[in-house]
Structures are given as structure tokens and as C-alpha cells.
Amino acid sequence: MRIVNVDLGERSYPIYVQAGLLPQLANVLKKHNLDERIFVITDDNVKSLYAEKVLAELLDADMQAKLLVIPAGERSKSLQQSDILYTRLLESRADRNSVVVALGGGVVGDLAGFVAATFMRGVPFVQVPTTVLSQVDSSVGGKVGVNHPLGKNLIGAFYQPRFVLIDPDTLKTLPQREIRAGFAEVIKYGFIHSREFYDAVAAHLDALFDLSDPEQLESTLYTSCRIKAEVVSQDEKESGRSAILNFGHTVGHAIEALTGYAQFLHGEAVVHGMKAALHLSLQAGWLSEQSVQEAVELLRRFQAPPLPADMSFRALSEAMQKDKKRSSKGQLWVLLQDIGRSLLTRDVSEEQARRAVEFMLGES
């Protein structure tokens, strides 16, 4: 088993990564003294794939457990769905010692974590992510929350899980589109933190997409979590350096908002956003045109759907005004000094942003 420790003092927790680990959930819960009433929050896709079996295994281990099922999809990340879950928890007589287990993708993890953080001012919380995106990104770092019609993840909290359990075998039931979108966050770690990791992911990208090399897959998931844990441990609440994790997200979140969170998977929007950030890095004089073109060629392999023909810089700019990283000093951008070396800046003019977005739209 590979273990990553997220070092946050008294809120530190482990990330367990191993194929075939999901059936051991009951044992891991007991190891962490989380053997009170268990509420497994999942969606109606994961319910039949894994959740019903997990519930049976928890009950067989003499644990009190119950499934709470939400509709699959980004639209469930809402205050309305949170209220439904609060009601179900109260009706089931959950108390402050009850444990919320998020079993599913990023939507389930973000929503369940938000509910855990706010129900009775906080109950124990465990992440069991079942998608690439949630395994390498959203389950690590304690960011939980819901969307607002005017923007993504605008309502939320930093609330750390007691542990994260990652079983790569759960990826086998994912559609290829979701796998590719999830690995967009993986290549992001290479862009912002490690040229060596970037090169390794690029060299094995087809095998990762196909899930055909279990050892490489497990290593890649582990390294992604290790990089994010290192960044988060230095800056838990994104008041400084950890904002580099948002490479490609400034424009990516705007794309998602403009298309109603329905047309693009998160990773697909980030792929487009990374193209814009690469061009901004070129304009700043840090990246060469060759480096940008090679990176864009790599991003094309993720097969993100084309952007709408009527999408404009003006519309994207207005959407970016609602970005959480924006302040009176301007928009915060994550750019690259080189592949594997990132920096934060607000020194981007409207004309530079326009050129970057036009490049992105042209590459769509």
C-alpha cells in the first residue's frame, strides 16, 4: 500500500492508495476509531456499482450504516440538495459522532464534505473517491462546497477528512470521457510542479487513458496526491502558494459557468483554460512558442469538446469577475515560468487576457 500524509498538524490525515482497497473500508474505519453510525453519501450511478456492496460489507462488519443517495451530476452541488441531506440525517437520528462517508466522484465528495462540515457544526468525514478527478484532486485538501447559479464553488469551507481511501480498481467502470477529463488534473501537477512528472505522464498517457498498466496507474495517482498534499500542507486555505493548483481554472471555471455546468466535464473546461494560461505565459516571455505548441499538442490528446462558436472574450471576462481569487487588485492568474515551474501574478492586462482567450478559442 502507498500512503501519502497530508501534514496539517492536528488535522493531518493519510491518503491510502492501493488496488482492491475498497472492500477493506470497514477495517480502515475501525482503525481510525470511526465505528459509530456510518452514513454513506453516494449518487445514483455509484449506488449500484459500488455503494450497495460497500453497505453490505459495513453491515457484515457489525457496523450501523445507511446509504443516502443523490442524483448524479453537477446540479446536485447545491444548497437545496444539502438541505435534503440534512433532513435525511436528522430523520435518521444522526448525531455529532456519526460519520459521513463520501463514496463517489467530485460532486459527491464536495457535497458530502460540505454537509459534514456544517451538520451540527461538523461531524467526522471520510473521502472514498471513485473517479480520476476526485482521486487526484477534489478528495485531497479539504475544499468542500456547493455551487451558486452565479459561480462554481462559491459557497463552502475548508474541512479536512479523517482519511482518504483510493482504490484504482473503481476507475474501470468509468466512461473514457471521464477518464480523460480526470487526467487533465494529473497533467496539471506536471505543469505547475514537476517537469519529471509531466514527462512521465506524457510518455504513458495512452496507457493511463486505457488503464492498461496497473503499476503505472497506481504510481501516477500516488504522485498526484503527494504533490497536492505537499502544496496544501504549506498553505491549507489558499491564502498564498497553493493557489497554483488553479492553473487553467480561472478560464475553466468561467467556461463551466457560461455553459451551465452541463456541456463540459470539469477537466475538459480546465484543458481549455490551460491553453489560455500557456499563451499568457508565452506573452510574458517565459515560455517559448515551441514549448507552448508542444504542450497544446499534448492537451489535444485529452479530446475536450470544442467550445461553443458564440463564446466570446467579453462573456468569459464577465464570468471571471466572479472568480474567488479575484480581488480589488485584479484577477489572480497562475502562469508558468517553465514546464514544472509556476508563479502567481495579477500583472495581466485586459489585452493580454483577450489575446490568450482568442488563442484558446482558435485551438478549440
Protein backbone atom coordinates (compact mmCIF):
# COMPACT_ATOMS: atom_id res chain seq x y z
CA MET A 1 0.00 0.00 0.00
CA ARG A 2 1.18 3.52 -0.82
CA ILE A 3 0.45 6.15 1.82
CA VAL A 4 0.61 9.93 1.48
CA ASN A 5 0.45 12.01 4.65
CA VAL A 6 -1.24 15.40 4.43
CA ASP A 7 0.67 17.30 7.12
CA LEU A 8 -1.68 19.80 8.76
CA GLY A 9 -0.79 19.47 12.43
CA GLU A 10 -3.71 18.13 14.44
CA ARG A 11 -5.79 17.95 11.24
CA SER A 12 -3.25 15.73 9.45
CA TYR A 13 -4.57 12.63 7.72
CA PRO A 14 -3.40 9.78 5.49
CA ILE A 15 -4.28 9.02 1.89
CA TYR A 16 -4.27 5.28 1.22
CA VAL A 17 -3.68 4.19 -2.39
CA GLN A 18 -3.95 0.54 -3.40
CA ALA A 19 -5.84 -1.55 -5.93
CA GLY A 20 -8.50 -3.68 -4.27
CA LEU A 21 -8.69 -1.47 -1.17
CA LEU A 22 -12.40 -0.61 -1.26
CA PRO A 23 -13.55 -3.89 0.36
CA GLN A 24 -11.28 -3.01 3.32
CA LEU A 25 -13.20 0.18 4.15
CA ALA A 26 -14.75 -1.23 7.31
CA ASN A 27 -11.34 -2.24 8.66
CA VAL A 28 -9.85 1.18 7.90
CA LEU A 29 -12.80 2.93 9.57
CA LYS A 30 -12.28 0.82 12.70
CA LYS A 31 -8.54 1.52 12.60
CA HIS A 32 -9.36 5.23 12.80
CA ASN A 33 -11.94 4.66 15.57
CA LEU A 34 -14.75 5.69 13.26
CA ASP A 35 -17.15 2.91 14.17
CA GLU A 36 -20.20 4.90 15.19
CA ARG A 37 -23.16 5.20 12.83
CA ILE A 38 -21.97 5.46 9.23
CA PHE A 39 -23.85 7.45 6.58
CA VAL A 40 -22.56 6.71 3.10
CA ILE A 41 -23.46 9.51 0.71
CA THR A 42 -23.32 8.41 -2.91
CA ASP A 43 -25.08 9.10 -6.21
CA ASP A 44 -27.49 7.00 -8.23
CA ASN A 45 -24.71 5.92 -10.62
CA VAL A 46 -22.31 4.69 -7.95
CA LYS A 47 -25.11 3.14 -5.89
CA SER A 48 -25.39 0.01 -8.00
CA LEU A 49 -21.71 -0.11 -8.96
CA TYR A 50 -20.14 0.01 -5.50
CA ALA A 51 -22.27 1.57 -2.78
CA GLU A 52 -24.69 -1.30 -2.20
CA LYS A 53 -21.79 -3.73 -1.86
CA VAL A 54 -19.94 -1.35 0.48
CA LEU A 55 -23.07 -1.04 2.61
CA ALA A 56 -23.37 -4.84 2.84
CA GLU A 57 -19.71 -5.12 3.86
CA LEU A 58 -20.15 -2.48 6.58
CA LEU A 59 -23.22 -4.27 7.93
CA ASP A 60 -21.37 -7.60 7.84
CA ALA A 61 -18.66 -5.95 9.96
CA ASP A 62 -21.33 -5.22 12.62
CA MET A 63 -21.37 -1.51 11.84
CA GLN A 64 -24.54 0.57 11.73
CA ALA A 65 -24.64 2.01 8.22
CA LYS A 66 -27.08 3.64 5.83
CA LEU A 67 -26.99 4.84 2.23
CA LEU A 68 -28.05 8.36 1.29
CA VAL A 69 -28.35 8.63 -2.48
CA ILE A 70 -28.34 11.87 -4.51
CA PRO A 71 -28.93 12.41 -8.24
CA ALA A 72 -25.72 12.14 -10.26
CA GLY A 73 -24.34 15.30 -11.83
CA GLU A 74 -23.02 18.79 -11.05
CA ARG A 75 -26.50 20.14 -10.42
CA SER A 76 -26.59 18.21 -7.12
CA LYS A 77 -23.89 20.50 -5.73
CA SER A 78 -26.47 22.90 -4.36
CA LEU A 79 -27.86 24.26 -1.12
CA GLN A 80 -31.16 22.61 -2.00
CA GLN A 81 -29.56 19.15 -2.12
CA SER A 82 -27.65 19.92 1.08
CA ASP A 83 -30.94 20.65 2.82
CA ILE A 84 -32.37 17.34 1.64
CA LEU A 85 -29.38 15.53 3.14
CA TYR A 86 -29.65 17.47 6.43
CA THR A 87 -33.28 16.38 6.67
CA ARG A 88 -32.44 12.73 5.98
CA LEU A 89 -29.66 12.78 8.56
CA LEU A 90 -31.97 14.29 11.17
CA GLU A 91 -34.73 11.83 10.34
CA SER A 92 -32.19 9.02 10.77
CA ARG A 93 -31.19 10.44 14.17
CA ALA A 94 -27.61 11.21 13.19
CA ASP A 95 -25.62 12.92 15.90
CA ARG A 96 -22.22 14.60 16.29
CA ASN A 97 -20.46 11.22 16.48
CA SER A 98 -21.98 9.96 13.23
CA VAL A 99 -19.58 9.54 10.32
CA VAL A 100 -20.21 10.80 6.79
CA VAL A 101 -18.51 8.75 4.07
CA ALA A 102 -18.39 10.29 0.60
CA LEU A 103 -18.40 7.44 -1.94
CA GLY A 104 -18.26 8.72 -5.50
CA GLY A 105 -16.80 11.42 -7.68
CA GLY A 106 -16.05 15.07 -7.06
CA VAL A 107 -19.68 16.16 -6.81
CA VAL A 108 -20.38 13.59 -4.09
CA GLY A 109 -17.17 14.46 -2.25
CA ASP A 110 -17.72 18.22 -2.35
CA LEU A 111 -21.37 17.99 -1.34
CA ALA A 112 -20.94 15.32 1.33
CA GLY A 113 -17.96 17.20 2.75
CA PHE A 114 -19.98 20.44 2.89
CA VAL A 115 -22.80 18.63 4.67
CA ALA A 116 -20.34 17.03 7.12
CA ALA A 117 -18.69 20.40 7.80
CA THR A 118 -21.98 22.13 8.58
CA PHE A 119 -24.21 19.43 10.10
CA MET A 120 -24.21 20.00 13.88
CA ARG A 121 -21.18 22.25 13.29
CA GLY A 122 -19.12 19.39 11.97
CA VAL A 123 -19.10 15.59 12.05
CA PRO A 124 -16.32 13.13 11.10
CA PHE A 125 -15.85 12.82 7.37
CA VAL A 126 -14.14 10.27 5.10
CA GLN A 127 -13.41 10.51 1.38
CA VAL A 128 -13.68 7.40 -0.82
CA PRO A 129 -13.29 8.84 -4.34
CA THR A 130 -14.18 6.67 -7.33
CA THR A 131 -13.15 8.84 -10.31
CA VAL A 132 -9.76 10.00 -11.55
CA LEU A 133 -10.66 13.64 -10.88
CA SER A 134 -11.77 13.02 -7.32
CA GLN A 135 -8.87 10.68 -6.53
CA VAL A 136 -6.15 13.11 -7.59
CA ASP A 137 -7.77 16.44 -6.82
CA SER A 138 -11.06 17.10 -5.09
CA SER A 139 -10.72 14.50 -2.31
CA VAL A 140 -7.38 15.94 -1.17
CA GLY A 141 -7.01 19.26 0.60
CA GLY A 142 -10.29 19.72 2.43
CA LYS A 143 -12.07 22.02 -0.02
CA VAL A 144 -15.78 21.26 0.21
CA GLY A 145 -18.74 23.20 -1.05
CA VAL A 146 -21.61 23.77 -3.42
CA ASN A 147 -22.25 25.89 -6.49
CA HIS A 148 -24.30 29.06 -6.89
CA PRO A 149 -26.07 29.99 -10.13
CA LEU A 150 -23.59 32.86 -10.47
CA GLY A 151 -20.46 30.78 -9.99
CA LYS A 152 -18.84 27.46 -9.16
CA ASN A 153 -17.83 26.53 -5.60
CA LEU A 154 -18.70 29.96 -4.21
CA ILE A 155 -20.28 28.52 -1.04
CA GLY A 156 -18.12 26.21 1.01
CA ALA A 157 -15.49 25.59 3.63
CA PHE A 158 -12.11 24.03 4.31
CA TYR A 159 -12.90 20.82 6.17
CA GLN A 160 -10.38 18.01 6.25
CA PRO A 161 -11.36 14.33 6.10
CA ARG A 162 -10.13 11.79 8.66
CA PHE A 163 -8.62 9.79 5.79
CA VAL A 164 -8.88 9.29 2.03
CA LEU A 165 -9.17 5.77 0.60
CA ILE A 166 -8.25 5.40 -3.08
CA ASP A 167 -8.86 2.17 -4.95
CA PRO A 168 -7.77 2.45 -8.62
CA ASP A 169 -9.99 -0.53 -9.47
CA THR A 170 -13.04 1.73 -9.19
CA LEU A 171 -11.88 3.56 -12.32
CA LYS A 172 -12.62 0.53 -14.50
CA THR A 173 -16.34 1.38 -14.69
CA LEU A 174 -15.77 4.97 -15.84
CA PRO A 175 -16.56 6.14 -19.37
CA GLN A 176 -13.45 7.00 -21.37
CA ARG A 177 -14.51 10.65 -21.49
CA GLU A 178 -14.46 10.90 -17.69
CA ILE A 179 -11.08 9.19 -17.50
CA ARG A 180 -9.53 11.65 -19.96
CA ALA A 181 -11.09 14.62 -18.18
CA GLY A 182 -9.77 13.39 -14.84
CA PHE A 183 -6.24 13.06 -16.10
CA ALA A 184 -6.32 16.76 -17.05
CA GLU A 185 -5.80 17.45 -13.35
CA VAL A 186 -2.92 14.97 -13.33
CA ILE A 187 -1.04 16.71 -16.14
CA LYS A 188 -1.73 19.98 -14.32
CA TYR A 189 0.52 18.81 -11.49
CA GLY A 190 3.30 18.31 -14.01
CA PHE A 191 2.79 21.78 -15.46
CA ILE A 192 2.90 23.55 -12.10
CA HIS A 193 5.29 21.44 -10.02
CA SER A 194 7.43 18.84 -11.76
CA ARG A 195 8.87 18.57 -15.25
CA GLU A 196 9.86 14.98 -14.45
CA PHE A 197 6.27 14.07 -13.60
CA TYR A 198 4.98 15.94 -16.67
CA ASP A 199 7.30 13.93 -18.92
CA ALA A 200 6.33 10.65 -17.24
CA VAL A 201 2.60 11.29 -17.65
CA ALA A 202 3.09 12.38 -21.27
CA ALA A 203 5.10 9.23 -22.02
CA HIS A 204 2.44 6.92 -20.55
CA LEU A 205 -0.68 8.90 -21.43
CA ASP A 206 -2.29 6.28 -23.66
CA ALA A 207 -1.74 3.54 -21.06
CA LEU A 208 -3.20 5.80 -18.38
CA PHE A 209 -6.26 6.56 -20.50
CA ASP A 210 -6.72 2.82 -21.15
CA LEU A 211 -5.98 1.83 -17.52
CA SER A 212 -3.79 -0.85 -19.08
CA ASP A 213 -0.76 -0.53 -16.76
CA PRO A 214 -1.88 -1.00 -13.13
CA GLU A 215 1.55 -0.22 -11.66
CA GLN A 216 1.91 3.00 -13.66
CA LEU A 217 -1.67 3.98 -12.81
CA GLU A 218 -1.19 3.49 -9.07
CA SER A 219 2.14 5.33 -9.17
CA THR A 220 0.59 8.23 -11.07
CA LEU A 221 -2.33 8.56 -8.66
CA TYR A 222 0.05 8.38 -5.69
CA THR A 223 2.40 11.03 -7.11
CA SER A 224 -0.51 13.34 -7.93
CA CYS A 225 -1.75 13.08 -4.35
CA ARG A 226 1.77 13.58 -2.99
CA ILE A 227 2.23 16.78 -5.00
CA LYS A 228 -1.13 18.17 -3.92
CA ALA A 229 -0.52 17.16 -0.29
CA GLU A 230 2.83 18.96 -0.35
CA VAL A 231 1.27 22.15 -1.70
CA VAL A 232 -1.73 22.01 0.66
CA SER A 233 0.48 21.32 3.69
CA GLN A 234 2.30 24.58 3.02
CA ASP A 235 -0.86 26.64 2.50
CA GLU A 236 -4.08 24.94 3.63
CA LYS A 237 -6.53 27.73 2.84
CA GLU A 238 -5.10 29.01 -0.44
CA SER A 239 -4.02 32.33 1.00
CA GLY A 240 -0.75 32.06 -0.88
CA ARG A 241 1.27 29.48 -2.79
CA SER A 242 -1.39 26.76 -3.05
CA ALA A 243 -3.35 28.93 -5.48
CA ILE A 244 -1.01 27.42 -8.12
CA LEU A 245 -3.37 24.43 -8.01
CA ASN A 246 -5.78 26.58 -10.00
CA PHE A 247 -3.67 26.54 -13.16
CA GLY A 248 -6.17 26.62 -16.02
CA HIS A 249 -9.10 27.04 -13.65
CA THR A 250 -9.57 30.81 -13.96
CA VAL A 251 -10.84 30.46 -17.52
CA GLY A 252 -12.02 26.88 -16.98
CA HIS A 253 -14.50 27.82 -14.27
CA ALA A 254 -15.79 30.66 -16.46
CA ILE A 255 -16.39 28.18 -19.29
CA GLU A 256 -18.33 25.90 -16.96
CA ALA A 257 -20.46 28.78 -15.65
CA LEU A 258 -21.26 30.09 -19.14
CA THR A 259 -22.39 26.65 -20.26
CA GLY A 260 -24.50 25.97 -17.18
CA TYR A 261 -22.19 23.27 -15.81
CA ALA A 262 -23.82 20.93 -18.31
CA GLN A 263 -21.75 20.95 -21.50
CA PHE A 264 -18.22 20.27 -20.23
CA LEU A 265 -16.78 17.99 -17.60
CA HIS A 266 -14.60 19.94 -15.19
CA GLY A 267 -11.34 18.57 -16.58
CA GLU A 268 -12.41 19.38 -20.13
CA ALA A 269 -13.00 23.02 -19.23
CA VAL A 270 -9.62 23.09 -17.46
CA VAL A 271 -7.92 21.71 -20.59
CA HIS A 272 -9.17 24.76 -22.49
CA GLY A 273 -8.24 27.03 -19.59
CA MET A 274 -4.69 25.65 -19.52
CA LYS A 275 -4.30 26.59 -23.19
CA ALA A 276 -5.13 30.20 -22.32
CA ALA A 277 -2.71 30.16 -19.37
CA LEU A 278 0.04 28.75 -21.59
CA HIS A 279 -0.45 31.59 -24.06
CA LEU A 280 -0.32 34.15 -21.26
CA SER A 281 2.96 32.60 -20.14
CA LEU A 282 4.21 32.97 -23.71
CA GLN A 283 3.19 36.62 -23.81
CA ALA A 284 5.05 37.20 -20.53
CA GLY A 285 8.21 35.92 -22.19
CA TRP A 286 8.66 32.85 -20.00
CA LEU A 287 7.61 30.04 -22.31
CA SER A 288 8.85 29.65 -25.87
CA GLU A 289 6.41 29.31 -28.74
CA GLN A 290 7.71 25.77 -29.29
CA SER A 291 7.04 24.82 -25.66
CA VAL A 292 3.51 26.18 -25.88
CA GLN A 293 2.78 24.36 -29.12
CA GLU A 294 4.14 21.07 -27.74
CA ALA A 295 2.03 21.48 -24.59
CA VAL A 296 -1.07 22.31 -26.63
CA GLU A 297 -0.47 19.22 -28.78
CA LEU A 298 -0.39 17.14 -25.62
CA LEU A 299 -3.61 18.74 -24.37
CA ARG A 300 -5.34 17.91 -27.66
CA ARG A 301 -4.95 14.23 -26.77
CA PHE A 302 -7.43 14.77 -23.94
CA GLN A 303 -10.14 15.29 -26.57
CA ALA A 304 -12.00 18.08 -24.79
CA PRO A 305 -15.15 19.03 -26.75
CA PRO A 306 -14.87 22.24 -28.79
CA LEU A 307 -16.00 25.47 -27.20
CA PRO A 308 -19.30 26.98 -28.40
CA ALA A 309 -18.87 29.01 -31.58
CA ASP A 310 -20.54 32.03 -30.00
CA MET A 311 -18.37 32.07 -26.86
CA SER A 312 -16.60 35.42 -26.59
CA PHE A 313 -13.89 37.07 -24.56
CA ARG A 314 -16.43 39.56 -23.21
CA ALA A 315 -18.68 36.81 -21.84
CA LEU A 316 -15.74 34.91 -20.34
CA SER A 317 -14.35 38.11 -18.82
CA GLU A 318 -17.66 38.87 -17.14
CA ALA A 319 -17.80 35.32 -15.76
CA MET A 320 -14.24 35.63 -14.45
CA GLN A 321 -15.27 38.70 -12.46
CA LYS A 322 -16.95 36.27 -10.06
CA ASP A 323 -13.80 34.17 -9.57
CA LYS A 324 -12.95 33.62 -5.88
CA LYS A 325 -9.30 34.55 -6.50
CA ARG A 326 -10.21 37.99 -7.84
CA SER A 327 -9.71 40.99 -5.56
CA SER A 328 -9.62 44.78 -5.80
CA LYS A 329 -6.05 44.30 -7.06
CA GLY A 330 -7.27 42.36 -10.08
CA GLN A 331 -7.57 38.80 -11.32
CA LEU A 332 -5.09 36.26 -9.93
CA TRP A 333 -3.50 34.15 -12.68
CA VAL A 334 -1.39 31.01 -12.44
CA LEU A 335 1.27 31.12 -15.15
CA LEU A 336 4.37 29.08 -15.98
CA GLN A 337 7.97 30.24 -15.94
CA ASP A 338 8.78 26.85 -17.44
CA ILE A 339 7.15 23.42 -17.55
CA GLY A 340 7.21 22.40 -13.89
CA ARG A 341 7.71 25.95 -12.55
CA SER A 342 4.67 28.09 -11.76
CA LEU A 343 4.03 31.50 -10.31
CA LEU A 344 1.11 33.70 -9.29
CA THR A 345 0.53 37.12 -10.78
CA ARG A 346 -2.10 39.80 -11.15
CA ASP A 347 0.02 41.62 -13.70
CA VAL A 348 -2.02 40.64 -16.76
CA SER A 349 -3.62 43.34 -18.88
CA GLU A 350 -7.04 43.05 -20.44
CA GLU A 351 -5.42 42.99 -23.88
CA GLN A 352 -3.12 40.11 -22.88
CA ALA A 353 -6.09 38.20 -21.49
CA ARG A 354 -8.01 38.86 -24.69
CA ARG A 355 -5.19 37.50 -26.86
CA ALA A 356 -4.91 34.40 -24.66
CA VAL A 357 -8.63 33.71 -24.85
CA GLU A 358 -8.65 34.24 -28.61
CA PHE A 359 -5.76 31.74 -28.88
CA MET A 360 -7.74 29.27 -26.78
CA LEU A 361 -10.88 29.75 -28.87
CA GLY A 362 -8.83 29.23 -32.02
CA GLU A 363 -7.37 26.00 -30.62
CA SER A 364 -10.77 24.64 -29.61
